[in-house]
Every structure is written in C-alpha cells, then in structure tokens.
PDB file of N, CA and C in Angstrom:
ATOM      1  N   UNK A   1       6.727  15.504  -6.437  1.00  0.00           N
ATOM      2  CA  UNK A   1       6.989  16.751  -5.777  1.00  0.00           C
ATOM      3  C   UNK A   1       8.361  17.295  -6.178  1.00  0.00           C
ATOM      4  N   UNK A   2       9.213  16.432  -6.606  1.00  0.00           N
ATOM      5  CA  UNK A   2      10.547  16.849  -7.014  1.00  0.00           C
ATOM      6  C   UNK A   2      10.464  17.766  -8.230  1.00  0.00           C
ATOM      7  N   UNK A   3       9.606  17.438  -9.179  1.00  0.00           N
ATOM      8  CA  UNK A   3       9.437  18.240 -10.379  1.00  0.00           C
ATOM      9  C   UNK A   3       8.871  19.610 -10.057  1.00  0.00           C
ATOM     10  N   UNK A   4       7.981  19.674  -9.070  1.00  0.00           N
ATOM     11  CA  UNK A   4       7.384  20.946  -8.687  1.00  0.00           C
ATOM     12  C   UNK A   4       8.450  21.868  -8.104  1.00  0.00           C
ATOM     13  N   UNK A   5       9.328  21.341  -7.270  1.00  0.00           N
ATOM     14  CA  UNK A   5      10.408  22.145  -6.693  1.00  0.00           C
ATOM     15  C   UNK A   5      11.338  22.663  -7.768  1.00  0.00           C
ATOM     16  N   UNK A   6      11.654  21.808  -8.722  1.00  0.00           N
ATOM     17  CA  UNK A   6      12.525  22.230  -9.826  1.00  0.00           C
ATOM     18  C   UNK A   6      11.848  23.305 -10.669  1.00  0.00           C
ATOM     19  N   UNK A   7      10.560  23.131 -10.900  1.00  0.00           N
ATOM     20  CA  UNK A   7       9.798  24.115 -11.674  1.00  0.00           C
ATOM     21  C   UNK A   7       9.829  25.479 -10.987  1.00  0.00           C
ATOM     22  N   UNK A   8       9.544  25.489  -9.690  1.00  0.00           N
ATOM     23  CA  UNK A   8       9.530  26.749  -8.953  1.00  0.00           C
ATOM     24  C   UNK A   8      10.906  27.399  -8.932  1.00  0.00           C
ATOM     25  N   UNK A   9      11.942  26.611  -8.701  1.00  0.00           N
ATOM     26  CA  UNK A   9      13.299  27.150  -8.690  1.00  0.00           C
ATOM     27  C   UNK A   9      13.636  27.748 -10.046  1.00  0.00           C
ATOM     28  N   UNK A  10      13.301  27.047 -11.106  1.00  0.00           N
ATOM     29  CA  UNK A  10      13.560  27.540 -12.460  1.00  0.00           C
ATOM     30  C   UNK A  10      12.829  28.826 -12.748  1.00  0.00           C
ATOM     31  N   UNK A  11      11.580  28.905 -12.319  1.00  0.00           N
ATOM     32  CA  UNK A  11      10.800  30.125 -12.546  1.00  0.00           C
ATOM     33  C   UNK A  11      11.391  31.310 -11.788  1.00  0.00           C
ATOM     34  N   UNK A  12      11.766  31.084 -10.564  1.00  0.00           N
ATOM     35  CA  UNK A  12      12.312  32.183  -9.749  1.00  0.00           C
ATOM     36  C   UNK A  12      13.653  32.655 -10.311  1.00  0.00           C
ATOM     37  N   UNK A  13      14.547  31.703 -10.594  1.00  0.00           N
ATOM     38  CA  UNK A  13      15.860  32.067 -11.135  1.00  0.00           C
ATOM     39  C   UNK A  13      15.693  32.726 -12.502  1.00  0.00           C
ATOM     40  N   UNK A  14      14.872  32.154 -13.346  1.00  0.00           N
ATOM     41  CA  UNK A  14      14.643  32.721 -14.674  1.00  0.00           C
ATOM     42  C   UNK A  14      14.070  34.122 -14.602  1.00  0.00           C
ATOM     43  N   UNK A  15      13.125  34.326 -13.690  1.00  0.00           N
ATOM     44  CA  UNK A  15      12.536  35.668 -13.533  1.00  0.00           C
ATOM     45  C   UNK A  15      13.552  36.680 -13.047  1.00  0.00           C
ATOM     46  N   UNK A  16      14.382  36.260 -12.088  1.00  0.00           N
ATOM     47  CA  UNK A  16      15.407  37.176 -11.563  1.00  0.00           C
ATOM     48  C   UNK A  16      16.409  37.541 -12.641  1.00  0.00           C
ATOM     49  N   UNK A  17      16.854  36.571 -13.421  1.00  0.00           N
ATOM     50  CA  UNK A  17      17.820  36.833 -14.498  1.00  0.00           C
ATOM     51  C   UNK A  17      17.192  37.756 -15.542  1.00  0.00           C
ATOM     52  N   UNK A  18      15.952  37.496 -15.879  1.00  0.00           N
ATOM     53  CA  UNK A  18      15.280  38.337 -16.876  1.00  0.00           C
ATOM     54  C   UNK A  18      15.185  39.779 -16.396  1.00  0.00           C
ATOM     55  N   UNK A  19      14.895  39.981 -15.128  1.00  0.00           N
ATOM     56  CA  UNK A  19      14.792  41.345 -14.595  1.00  0.00           C
ATOM     57  C   UNK A  19      16.150  42.049 -14.588  1.00  0.00           C
ATOM     58  N   UNK A  20      17.193  41.294 -14.288  1.00  0.00           N
ATOM     59  CA  UNK A  20      18.528  41.901 -14.243  1.00  0.00           C
ATOM     60  C   UNK A  20      19.062  42.226 -15.631  1.00  0.00           C
ATOM     61  N   UNK A  21      18.740  41.402 -16.596  1.00  0.00           N
ATOM     62  CA  UNK A  21      19.296  41.593 -17.935  1.00  0.00           C
ATOM     63  C   UNK A  21      18.475  42.538 -18.810  1.00  0.00           C
ATOM     64  N   UNK A  22      17.237  42.736 -18.489  1.00  0.00           N
ATOM     65  CA  UNK A  22      16.391  43.594 -19.326  1.00  0.00           C
ATOM     66  C   UNK A  22      15.668  44.609 -18.451  1.00  0.00           C
ATOM     67  N   UNK A  23      16.395  45.578 -17.908  1.00  0.00           N
ATOM     68  CA  UNK A  23      15.744  46.557 -17.040  1.00  0.00           C
ATOM     69  C   UNK A  23      14.771  47.440 -17.828  1.00  0.00           C
ATOM     70  N   UNK A  24      13.659  47.672 -17.203  1.00  0.00           N
ATOM     71  CA  UNK A  24      12.643  48.526 -17.816  1.00  0.00           C
ATOM     72  C   UNK A  24      12.171  49.527 -16.773  1.00  0.00           C
ATOM     73  N   UNK A  25      11.165  50.278 -17.126  1.00  0.00           N
ATOM     74  CA  UNK A  25      10.581  51.210 -16.170  1.00  0.00           C
ATOM     75  C   UNK A  25      10.012  50.399 -15.005  1.00  0.00           C
ATOM     76  N   UNK A  26       9.955  50.999 -13.845  1.00  0.00           N
ATOM     77  CA  UNK A  26       9.446  50.320 -12.646  1.00  0.00           C
ATOM     78  C   UNK A  26       8.041  49.789 -12.819  1.00  0.00           C
ATOM     79  N   UNK A  27       7.180  50.553 -13.458  1.00  0.00           N
ATOM     80  CA  UNK A  27       5.794  50.111 -13.648  1.00  0.00           C
ATOM     81  C   UNK A  27       5.729  48.882 -14.547  1.00  0.00           C
ATOM     82  N   UNK A  28       6.560  48.848 -15.580  1.00  0.00           N
ATOM     83  CA  UNK A  28       6.604  47.691 -16.487  1.00  0.00           C
ATOM     84  C   UNK A  28       7.145  46.459 -15.756  1.00  0.00           C
ATOM     85  N   UNK A  29       8.189  46.675 -14.970  1.00  0.00           N
ATOM     86  CA  UNK A  29       8.783  45.564 -14.217  1.00  0.00           C
ATOM     87  C   UNK A  29       7.772  44.996 -13.228  1.00  0.00           C
ATOM     88  N   UNK A  30       7.062  45.861 -12.507  1.00  0.00           N
ATOM     89  CA  UNK A  30       6.048  45.398 -11.550  1.00  0.00           C
ATOM     90  C   UNK A  30       4.934  44.638 -12.265  1.00  0.00           C
ATOM     91  N   UNK A  31       4.554  45.129 -13.443  1.00  0.00           N
ATOM     92  CA  UNK A  31       3.512  44.465 -14.230  1.00  0.00           C
ATOM     93  C   UNK A  31       3.962  43.048 -14.612  1.00  0.00           C
ATOM     94  N   UNK A  32       5.205  42.932 -15.064  1.00  0.00           N
ATOM     95  CA  UNK A  32       5.733  41.618 -15.457  1.00  0.00           C
ATOM     96  C   UNK A  32       5.850  40.691 -14.249  1.00  0.00           C
ATOM     97  N   UNK A  33       6.293  41.253 -13.127  1.00  0.00           N
ATOM     98  CA  UNK A  33       6.402  40.438 -11.905  1.00  0.00           C
ATOM     99  C   UNK A  33       5.027  39.919 -11.507  1.00  0.00           C
ATOM    100  N   UNK A  34       4.021  40.794 -11.574  1.00  0.00           N
ATOM    101  CA  UNK A  34       2.662  40.401 -11.226  1.00  0.00           C
ATOM    102  C   UNK A  34       2.168  39.288 -12.155  1.00  0.00           C
ATOM    103  N   UNK A  35       2.433  39.433 -13.467  1.00  0.00           N
ATOM    104  CA  UNK A  35       2.018  38.414 -14.436  1.00  0.00           C
ATOM    105  C   UNK A  35       2.703  37.080 -14.137  1.00  0.00           C
ATOM    106  N   UNK A  36       4.009  37.146 -13.869  1.00  0.00           N
ATOM    107  CA  UNK A  36       4.745  35.911 -13.562  1.00  0.00           C
ATOM    108  C   UNK A  36       4.215  35.270 -12.282  1.00  0.00           C
ATOM    109  N   UNK A  37       3.944  36.090 -11.274  1.00  0.00           N
ATOM    110  CA  UNK A  37       3.417  35.564 -10.009  1.00  0.00           C
ATOM    111  C   UNK A  37       2.064  34.890 -10.239  1.00  0.00           C
ATOM    112  N   UNK A  38       1.227  35.481 -11.077  1.00  0.00           N
ATOM    113  CA  UNK A  38      -0.070  34.883 -11.386  1.00  0.00           C
ATOM    114  C   UNK A  38       0.106  33.560 -12.123  1.00  0.00           C
ATOM    115  N   UNK A  39       1.061  33.539 -13.071  1.00  0.00           N
ATOM    116  CA  UNK A  39       1.325  32.296 -13.803  1.00  0.00           C
ATOM    117  C   UNK A  39       1.807  31.206 -12.847  1.00  0.00           C
ATOM    118  N   UNK A  40       2.744  31.579 -11.972  1.00  0.00           N
ATOM    119  CA  UNK A  40       3.264  30.605 -10.999  1.00  0.00           C
ATOM    120  C   UNK A  40       2.134  30.133 -10.090  1.00  0.00           C
ATOM    121  N   UNK A  41       1.282  31.043  -9.653  1.00  0.00           N
ATOM    122  CA  UNK A  41       0.144  30.674  -8.804  1.00  0.00           C
ATOM    123  C   UNK A  41      -0.775  29.686  -9.504  1.00  0.00           C
ATOM    124  N   UNK A  42      -1.075  29.960 -10.773  1.00  0.00           N
ATOM    125  CA  UNK A  42      -1.932  29.045 -11.537  1.00  0.00           C
ATOM    126  C   UNK A  42      -1.268  27.680 -11.700  1.00  0.00           C
ATOM    127  N   UNK A  43       0.041  27.704 -12.004  1.00  0.00           N
ATOM    128  CA  UNK A  43       0.778  26.431 -12.139  1.00  0.00           C
ATOM    129  C   UNK A  43       0.748  25.647 -10.829  1.00  0.00           C
ATOM    130  N   UNK A  44       0.909  26.367  -9.725  1.00  0.00           N
ATOM    131  CA  UNK A  44       0.859  25.711  -8.418  1.00  0.00           C
ATOM    132  C   UNK A  44      -0.509  25.093  -8.160  1.00  0.00           C
ATOM    133  N   UNK A  45      -1.558  25.806  -8.518  1.00  0.00           N
ATOM    134  CA  UNK A  45      -2.908  25.276  -8.339  1.00  0.00           C
ATOM    135  C   UNK A  45      -3.099  24.004  -9.147  1.00  0.00           C
ATOM    136  N   UNK A  46      -2.626  24.024 -10.394  1.00  0.00           N
ATOM    137  CA  UNK A  46      -2.756  22.853 -11.259  1.00  0.00           C
ATOM    138  C   UNK A  46      -1.974  21.682 -10.668  1.00  0.00           C
ATOM    139  N   UNK A  47      -0.724  21.940 -10.248  1.00  0.00           N
ATOM    140  CA  UNK A  47       0.110  20.880  -9.678  1.00  0.00           C
ATOM    141  C   UNK A  47      -0.503  20.344  -8.381  1.00  0.00           C
ATOM    142  N   UNK A  48      -1.037  21.231  -7.562  1.00  0.00           N
ATOM    143  CA  UNK A  48      -1.669  20.802  -6.307  1.00  0.00           C
ATOM    144  C   UNK A  48      -2.885  19.923  -6.592  1.00  0.00           C
ATOM    145  N   UNK A  49      -3.679  20.318  -7.580  1.00  0.00           N
ATOM    146  CA  UNK A  49      -4.858  19.523  -7.946  1.00  0.00           C
ATOM    147  C   UNK A  49      -4.440  18.147  -8.447  1.00  0.00           C
ATOM    148  N   UNK A  50      -3.387  18.109  -9.279  1.00  0.00           N
ATOM    149  CA  UNK A  50      -2.896  16.824  -9.783  1.00  0.00           C
ATOM    150  C   UNK A  50      -2.387  15.962  -8.630  1.00  0.00           C
ATOM    151  N   UNK A  51      -1.634  16.569  -7.718  1.00  0.00           N
ATOM    152  CA  UNK A  51      -1.112  15.828  -6.569  1.00  0.00           C
ATOM    153  C   UNK A  51      -2.231  15.298  -5.695  1.00  0.00           C
ATOM    154  N   UNK A  52      -3.244  16.113  -5.488  1.00  0.00           N
ATOM    155  CA  UNK A  52      -4.395  15.693  -4.682  1.00  0.00           C
ATOM    156  C   UNK A  52      -5.112  14.514  -5.334  1.00  0.00           C
ATOM    157  N   UNK A  53      -5.285  14.568  -6.639  1.00  0.00           N
ATOM    158  CA  UNK A  53      -5.946  13.479  -7.375  1.00  0.00           C
ATOM    159  C   UNK A  53      -5.124  12.191  -7.296  1.00  0.00           C
ATOM    160  N   UNK A  54      -3.804  12.317  -7.472  1.00  0.00           N
ATOM    161  CA  UNK A  54      -2.930  11.138  -7.385  1.00  0.00           C
ATOM    162  C   UNK A  54      -3.020  10.523  -5.994  1.00  0.00           C
ATOM    163  N   UNK A  55      -2.993  11.369  -4.973  1.00  0.00           N
ATOM    164  CA  UNK A  55      -3.084  10.873  -3.603  1.00  0.00           C
ATOM    165  C   UNK A  55      -4.401  10.127  -3.394  1.00  0.00           C
ATOM    166  N   UNK A  56      -5.491  10.704  -3.907  1.00  0.00           N
ATOM    167  CA  UNK A  56      -6.804  10.060  -3.776  1.00  0.00           C
ATOM    168  C   UNK A  56      -6.802   8.702  -4.465  1.00  0.00           C
ATOM    169  N   UNK A  57      -6.226   8.654  -5.679  1.00  0.00           N
ATOM    170  CA  UNK A  57      -6.159   7.389  -6.419  1.00  0.00           C
ATOM    171  C   UNK A  57      -5.357   6.350  -5.648  1.00  0.00           C
ATOM    172  N   UNK A  58      -4.204   6.769  -5.111  1.00  0.00           N
ATOM    173  CA  UNK A  58      -3.364   5.829  -4.361  1.00  0.00           C
ATOM    174  C   UNK A  58      -4.072   5.352  -3.104  1.00  0.00           C
ATOM    175  N   UNK A  59      -4.786   6.265  -2.414  1.00  0.00           N
ATOM    176  CA  UNK A  59      -5.486   5.859  -1.200  1.00  0.00           C
ATOM    177  C   UNK A  59      -6.578   4.851  -1.517  1.00  0.00           C
ATOM    178  N   UNK A  60      -7.346   5.104  -2.570  1.00  0.00           N
ATOM    179  CA  UNK A  60      -8.414   4.174  -2.935  1.00  0.00           C
ATOM    180  C   UNK A  60      -7.823   2.841  -3.360  1.00  0.00           C
ATOM    181  N   UNK A  61      -6.800   2.893  -4.193  1.00  0.00           N
ATOM    182  CA  UNK A  61      -6.142   1.670  -4.657  1.00  0.00           C
ATOM    183  C   UNK A  61      -5.592   0.880  -3.491  1.00  0.00           C
ATOM    184  N   UNK A  62      -4.896   1.569  -2.605  1.00  0.00           N
ATOM    185  CA  UNK A  62      -4.286   0.903  -1.453  1.00  0.00           C
ATOM    186  C   UNK A  62      -5.330   0.271  -0.560  1.00  0.00           C
ATOM    187  N   UNK A  63      -6.413   0.979  -0.324  1.00  0.00           N
ATOM    188  CA  UNK A  63      -7.486   0.449   0.516  1.00  0.00           C
ATOM    189  C   UNK A  63      -8.121  -0.780  -0.101  1.00  0.00           C
ATOM    190  N   UNK A  64      -8.368  -0.736  -1.394  1.00  0.00           N
ATOM    191  CA  UNK A  64      -8.975  -1.877  -2.079  1.00  0.00           C
ATOM    192  C   UNK A  64      -8.031  -3.072  -2.061  1.00  0.00           C
ATOM    193  N   UNK A  65      -6.758  -2.807  -2.325  1.00  0.00           N
ATOM    194  CA  UNK A  65      -5.789  -3.900  -2.333  1.00  0.00           C
ATOM    195  C   UNK A  65      -5.639  -4.499  -0.947  1.00  0.00           C
ATOM    196  N   UNK A  66      -5.666  -3.673   0.096  1.00  0.00           N
ATOM    197  CA  UNK A  66      -5.560  -4.197   1.453  1.00  0.00           C
ATOM    198  C   UNK A  66      -6.772  -5.060   1.783  1.00  0.00           C
ATOM    199  N   UNK A  67      -7.969  -4.592   1.419  1.00  0.00           N
ATOM    200  CA  UNK A  67      -9.179  -5.382   1.666  1.00  0.00           C
ATOM    201  C   UNK A  67      -9.104  -6.728   0.965  1.00  0.00           C
ATOM    202  N   UNK A  68      -8.670  -6.711  -0.287  1.00  0.00           N
ATOM    203  CA  UNK A  68      -8.553  -7.949  -1.059  1.00  0.00           C
ATOM    204  C   UNK A  68      -7.542  -8.893  -0.401  1.00  0.00           C
ATOM    205  N   UNK A  69      -6.394  -8.348  -0.032  1.00  0.00           N
ATOM    206  CA  UNK A  69      -5.349  -9.160   0.604  1.00  0.00           C
ATOM    207  C   UNK A  69      -5.864  -9.736   1.921  1.00  0.00           C
ATOM    208  N   UNK A  70      -6.580  -8.921   2.685  1.00  0.00           N
ATOM    209  CA  UNK A  70      -7.109  -9.351   3.977  1.00  0.00           C
ATOM    210  C   UNK A  70      -8.094 -10.512   3.803  1.00  0.00           C
ATOM    211  N   UNK A  71      -8.974 -10.398   2.821  1.00  0.00           N
ATOM    212  CA  UNK A  71      -9.951 -11.463   2.561  1.00  0.00           C
ATOM    213  C   UNK A  71      -9.257 -12.744   2.127  1.00  0.00           C
ATOM    214  N   UNK A  72      -8.267 -12.619   1.233  1.00  0.00           N
ATOM    215  CA  UNK A  72      -7.539 -13.804   0.767  1.00  0.00           C
ATOM    216  C   UNK A  72      -6.792 -14.474   1.913  1.00  0.00           C
ATOM    217  N   UNK A  73      -6.195 -13.672   2.777  1.00  0.00           N
ATOM    218  CA  UNK A  73      -5.458 -14.216   3.907  1.00  0.00           C
ATOM    219  C   UNK A  73      -6.397 -14.947   4.861  1.00  0.00           C
ATOM    220  N   UNK A  74      -7.553 -14.348   5.141  1.00  0.00           N
ATOM    221  CA  UNK A  74      -8.532 -14.983   6.028  1.00  0.00           C
ATOM    222  C   UNK A  74      -9.010 -16.306   5.429  1.00  0.00           C
ATOM    223  N   UNK A  75      -9.237 -16.316   4.126  1.00  0.00           N
ATOM    224  CA  UNK A  75      -9.682 -17.532   3.451  1.00  0.00           C
ATOM    225  C   UNK A  75      -8.621 -18.630   3.570  1.00  0.00           C
ATOM    226  N   UNK A  76      -7.350 -18.273   3.324  1.00  0.00           N
ATOM    227  CA  UNK A  76      -6.264 -19.250   3.425  1.00  0.00           C
ATOM    228  C   UNK A  76      -6.129 -19.775   4.846  1.00  0.00           C
ATOM    229  N   UNK A  77      -6.261 -18.898   5.822  1.00  0.00           N
ATOM    230  CA  UNK A  77      -6.146 -19.332   7.217  1.00  0.00           C
ATOM    231  C   UNK A  77      -7.272 -20.289   7.586  1.00  0.00           C
ATOM    232  N   UNK A  78      -8.471 -20.008   7.113  1.00  0.00           N
ATOM    233  CA  UNK A  78      -9.595 -20.916   7.377  1.00  0.00           C
ATOM    234  C   UNK A  78      -9.348 -22.274   6.728  1.00  0.00           C
ATOM    235  N   UNK A  79      -8.819 -22.269   5.489  1.00  0.00           N
ATOM    236  CA  UNK A  79      -8.498 -23.538   4.820  1.00  0.00           C
ATOM    237  C   UNK A  79      -7.456 -24.318   5.609  1.00  0.00           C
ATOM    238  N   UNK A  80      -6.422 -23.619   6.072  1.00  0.00           N
ATOM    239  CA  UNK A  80      -5.373 -24.297   6.845  1.00  0.00           C
ATOM    240  C   UNK A  80      -5.941 -24.847   8.156  1.00  0.00           C
ATOM    241  N   UNK A  81      -6.830 -24.083   8.758  1.00  0.00           N
ATOM    242  CA  UNK A  81      -7.459 -24.525  10.007  1.00  0.00           C
ATOM    243  C   UNK A  81      -8.273 -25.795   9.767  1.00  0.00           C
ATOM    244  N   UNK A  82      -9.060 -25.809   8.683  1.00  0.00           N
ATOM    245  CA  UNK A  82      -9.854 -26.991   8.355  1.00  0.00           C
ATOM    246  C   UNK A  82      -8.963 -28.187   8.073  1.00  0.00           C
ATOM    247  N   UNK A  83      -7.907 -27.951   7.290  1.00  0.00           N
ATOM    248  CA  UNK A  83      -6.985 -29.050   6.976  1.00  0.00           C
ATOM    249  C   UNK A  83      -6.319 -29.561   8.245  1.00  0.00           C
ATOM    250  N   UNK A  84      -5.937 -28.658   9.128  1.00  0.00           N
ATOM    251  CA  UNK A  84      -5.318 -29.053  10.392  1.00  0.00           C
ATOM    252  C   UNK A  84      -6.274 -29.864  11.242  1.00  0.00           C
ATOM    253  N   UNK A  85      -7.536 -29.449  11.274  1.00  0.00           N
ATOM    254  CA  UNK A  85      -8.545 -30.174  12.055  1.00  0.00           C
ATOM    255  C   UNK A  85      -8.749 -31.577  11.482  1.00  0.00           C
ATOM    256  N   UNK A  86      -8.790 -31.684  10.165  1.00  0.00           N
ATOM    257  CA  UNK A  86      -8.948 -32.989   9.529  1.00  0.00           C
ATOM    258  C   UNK A  86      -7.764 -33.893   9.858  1.00  0.00           C
ATOM    259  N   UNK A  87      -6.556 -33.345   9.770  1.00  0.00           N
ATOM    260  CA  UNK A  87      -5.354 -34.139  10.079  1.00  0.00           C
ATOM    261  C   UNK A  87      -5.366 -34.571  11.541  1.00  0.00           C
ATOM    262  N   UNK A  88      -5.773 -33.672  12.440  1.00  0.00           N
ATOM    263  CA  UNK A  88      -5.832 -34.002  13.857  1.00  0.00           C
ATOM    264  C   UNK A  88      -6.843 -35.114  14.106  1.00  0.00           C
ATOM    265  N   UNK A  89      -7.996 -35.026  13.467  1.00  0.00           N
ATOM    266  CA  UNK A  89      -9.008 -36.086  13.615  1.00  0.00           C
ATOM    267  C   UNK A  89      -8.488 -37.413  13.085  1.00  0.00           C
ATOM    268  N   UNK A  90      -7.783 -37.383  11.943  1.00  0.00           N
ATOM    269  CA  UNK A  90      -7.194 -38.604  11.396  1.00  0.00           C
ATOM    270  C   UNK A  90      -6.179 -39.202  12.365  1.00  0.00           C
ATOM    271  N   UNK A  91      -5.369 -38.345  12.973  1.00  0.00           N
ATOM    272  CA  UNK A  91      -4.367 -38.824  13.935  1.00  0.00           C
ATOM    273  C   UNK A  91      -5.034 -39.412  15.179  1.00  0.00           C
ATOM    274  N   UNK A  92      -6.075 -38.768  15.656  1.00  0.00           N
ATOM    275  CA  UNK A  92      -6.809 -39.290  16.819  1.00  0.00           C
ATOM    276  C   UNK A  92      -7.393 -40.663  16.515  1.00  0.00           C
ATOM    277  N   UNK A  93      -7.983 -40.776  15.327  1.00  0.00           N
ATOM    278  CA  UNK A  93      -8.589 -42.050  14.931  1.00  0.00           C
ATOM    279  C   UNK A  93      -7.529 -43.142  14.854  1.00  0.00           C
ATOM    280  N   UNK A  94      -6.398 -42.822  14.245  1.00  0.00           N
ATOM    281  CA  UNK A  94      -5.303 -43.789  14.150  1.00  0.00           C
ATOM    282  C   UNK A  94      -4.803 -44.181  15.532  1.00  0.00           C
ATOM    283  N   UNK A  95      -4.681 -43.209  16.423  1.00  0.00           N
ATOM    284  CA  UNK A  95      -4.213 -43.495  17.786  1.00  0.00           C
ATOM    285  C   UNK A  95      -5.204 -44.390  18.515  1.00  0.00           C
ATOM    286  N   UNK A  96      -6.508 -44.132  18.337  1.00  0.00           N
ATOM    287  CA  UNK A  96      -7.526 -44.966  18.978  1.00  0.00           C
ATOM    288  C   UNK A  96      -7.469 -46.402  18.449  1.00  0.00           C
ATOM    289  N   UNK A  97      -7.313 -46.544  17.130  1.00  0.00           N
ATOM    290  CA  UNK A  97      -7.221 -47.875  16.526  1.00  0.00           C
ATOM    291  C   UNK A  97      -5.991 -48.619  17.046  1.00  0.00           C
ATOM    292  N   UNK A  98      -4.883 -47.899  17.137  1.00  0.00           N
ATOM    293  CA  UNK A  98      -3.659 -48.517  17.643  1.00  0.00           C
ATOM    294  C   UNK A  98      -3.822 -48.921  19.106  1.00  0.00           C
ATOM    295  N   UNK A  99      -4.517 -48.090  19.883  1.00  0.00           N
ATOM    296  CA  UNK A  99      -4.749 -48.404  21.304  1.00  0.00           C
ATOM    297  C   UNK A  99      -5.630 -49.647  21.430  1.00  0.00           C
ATOM    298  N   UNK A 100      -6.659 -49.737  20.576  1.00  0.00           N
ATOM    299  CA  UNK A 100      -7.544 -50.902  20.605  1.00  0.00           C
ATOM    300  C   UNK A 100      -6.766 -52.179  20.253  1.00  0.00           C
ATOM    301  N   UNK A 101      -5.946 -52.106  19.213  1.00  0.00           N
ATOM    302  CA  UNK A 101      -5.140 -53.270  18.816  1.00  0.00           C
ATOM    303  C   UNK A 101      -4.182 -53.666  19.927  1.00  0.00           C
ATOM    304  N   UNK A 102      -3.580 -52.675  20.559  1.00  0.00           N
ATOM    305  CA  UNK A 102      -2.646 -52.964  21.643  1.00  0.00           C
ATOM    306  C   UNK A 102      -3.382 -53.621  22.810  1.00  0.00           C
ATOM    307  N   UNK A 103      -4.585 -53.126  23.115  1.00  0.00           N
ATOM    308  CA  UNK A 103      -5.373 -53.698  24.213  1.00  0.00           C
ATOM    309  C   UNK A 103      -5.761 -55.129  23.900  1.00  0.00           C
ATOM    310  N   UNK A 104      -6.130 -55.411  22.662  1.00  0.00           N
ATOM    311  CA  UNK A 104      -6.486 -56.782  22.268  1.00  0.00           C
ATOM    312  C   UNK A 104      -5.285 -57.699  22.400  1.00  0.00           C
ATOM    313  N   UNK A 105      -4.114 -57.196  21.965  1.00  0.00           N
ATOM    314  CA  UNK A 105      -2.910 -58.012  22.063  1.00  0.00           C
ATOM    315  C   UNK A 105      -2.549 -58.285  23.518  1.00  0.00           C
ATOM    316  N   UNK A 106      -2.722 -57.281  24.364  1.00  0.00           N
ATOM    317  CA  UNK A 106      -2.423 -57.455  25.793  1.00  0.00           C
ATOM    318  C   UNK A 106      -3.378 -58.487  26.359  1.00  0.00           C
ATOM    319  N   UNK A 107      -4.653 -58.364  26.034  1.00  0.00           N
ATOM    320  CA  UNK A 107      -5.669 -59.312  26.544  1.00  0.00           C
ATOM    321  C   UNK A 107      -5.381 -60.718  26.021  1.00  0.00           C
ATOM    322  N   UNK A 108      -4.996 -60.813  24.780  1.00  0.00           N
ATOM    323  CA  UNK A 108      -4.707 -62.102  24.158  1.00  0.00           C
ATOM    324  C   UNK A 108      -3.513 -62.774  24.825  1.00  0.00           C
ATOM    325  N   UNK A 109      -2.500 -61.974  25.143  1.00  0.00           N
ATOM    326  CA  UNK A 109      -1.283 -62.509  25.759  1.00  0.00           C
ATOM    327  C   UNK A 109      -1.459 -62.791  27.242  1.00  0.00           C
ATOM    328  N   UNK A 110      -2.460 -62.186  27.885  1.00  0.00           N
ATOM    329  CA  UNK A 110      -2.655 -62.399  29.325  1.00  0.00           C
ATOM    330  C   UNK A 110      -3.711 -63.455  29.613  1.00  0.00           C
ATOM    331  N   UNK A 111      -4.377 -63.954  28.617  1.00  0.00           N
ATOM    332  CA  UNK A 111      -5.395 -64.986  28.836  1.00  0.00           C
ATOM    333  C   UNK A 111      -4.700 -66.287  29.213  1.00  0.00           C
ATOM    334  N   UNK A 112      -5.330 -67.018  30.113  1.00  0.00           N
ATOM    335  CA  UNK A 112      -4.723 -68.314  30.468  1.00  0.00           C
ATOM    336  C   UNK A 112      -4.771 -69.297  29.308  1.00  0.00           C
ATOM    337  N   UNK A 113      -3.714 -69.988  29.193  1.00  0.00           N
ATOM    338  CA  UNK A 113      -3.621 -70.919  28.075  1.00  0.00           C
ATOM    339  C   UNK A 113      -4.225 -72.240  28.335  1.00  0.00           C
TER     340      UNK A 113
END
C-alpha cells in the first residue's frame, strides 16, 4: 500500500506542475485533466485488484498453514499423552512390585522363629 500512496502523490504533484508550467486553453486543460483522472482511475483499479488477489492468497495460505499446524500439534499432544500414560502404568507396576516385596519382607521378619 505504500507504493500506491507514493504513486498517487506523484501523479497529483506531477499533474499540478505540468498544468502550471504549460498553460493551455481551458478546454485542452480540462481534456488533459480528464485523461489523467481516467489513467489514475485505471491504475487504482489494477492496484486494487492486485491487492485483493494478494489478500486472498495470504488468507488461503494462512488458513492452510493454521490447519496443518493444528493437526501436527494435536498429533504431538496425543503422542505425549500416550507416552505419559505408558510411563504412569510403568510407575504403578513398579510401585506394586515394591509394595509386594516390602509386604513379603515384613511377613518374613514377623514370622516366629
């Protein structure tokens, strides 16, 4: 959009300078102003169309990239959840084994000799 503003400013300043430096009959000046206005209008239409297309491309790209990122994140979270569940089950099993060993040792030490 910065280039469009510079373009418009240049056209306006250039047109004003041209009118001041090369005075002609009023009808000729109006004709030239009309031609310049039409050219500027066409340029604006072209720039607007280009800007609209770029915006559409960015929106589609952004949406696709967000969907991809979202899917990858969900996949990673599910993997972490599974790994966490496996680790928790391993810890539970180890704790149960340790409890059983401790109970056997307690029973062994409390049996009458």
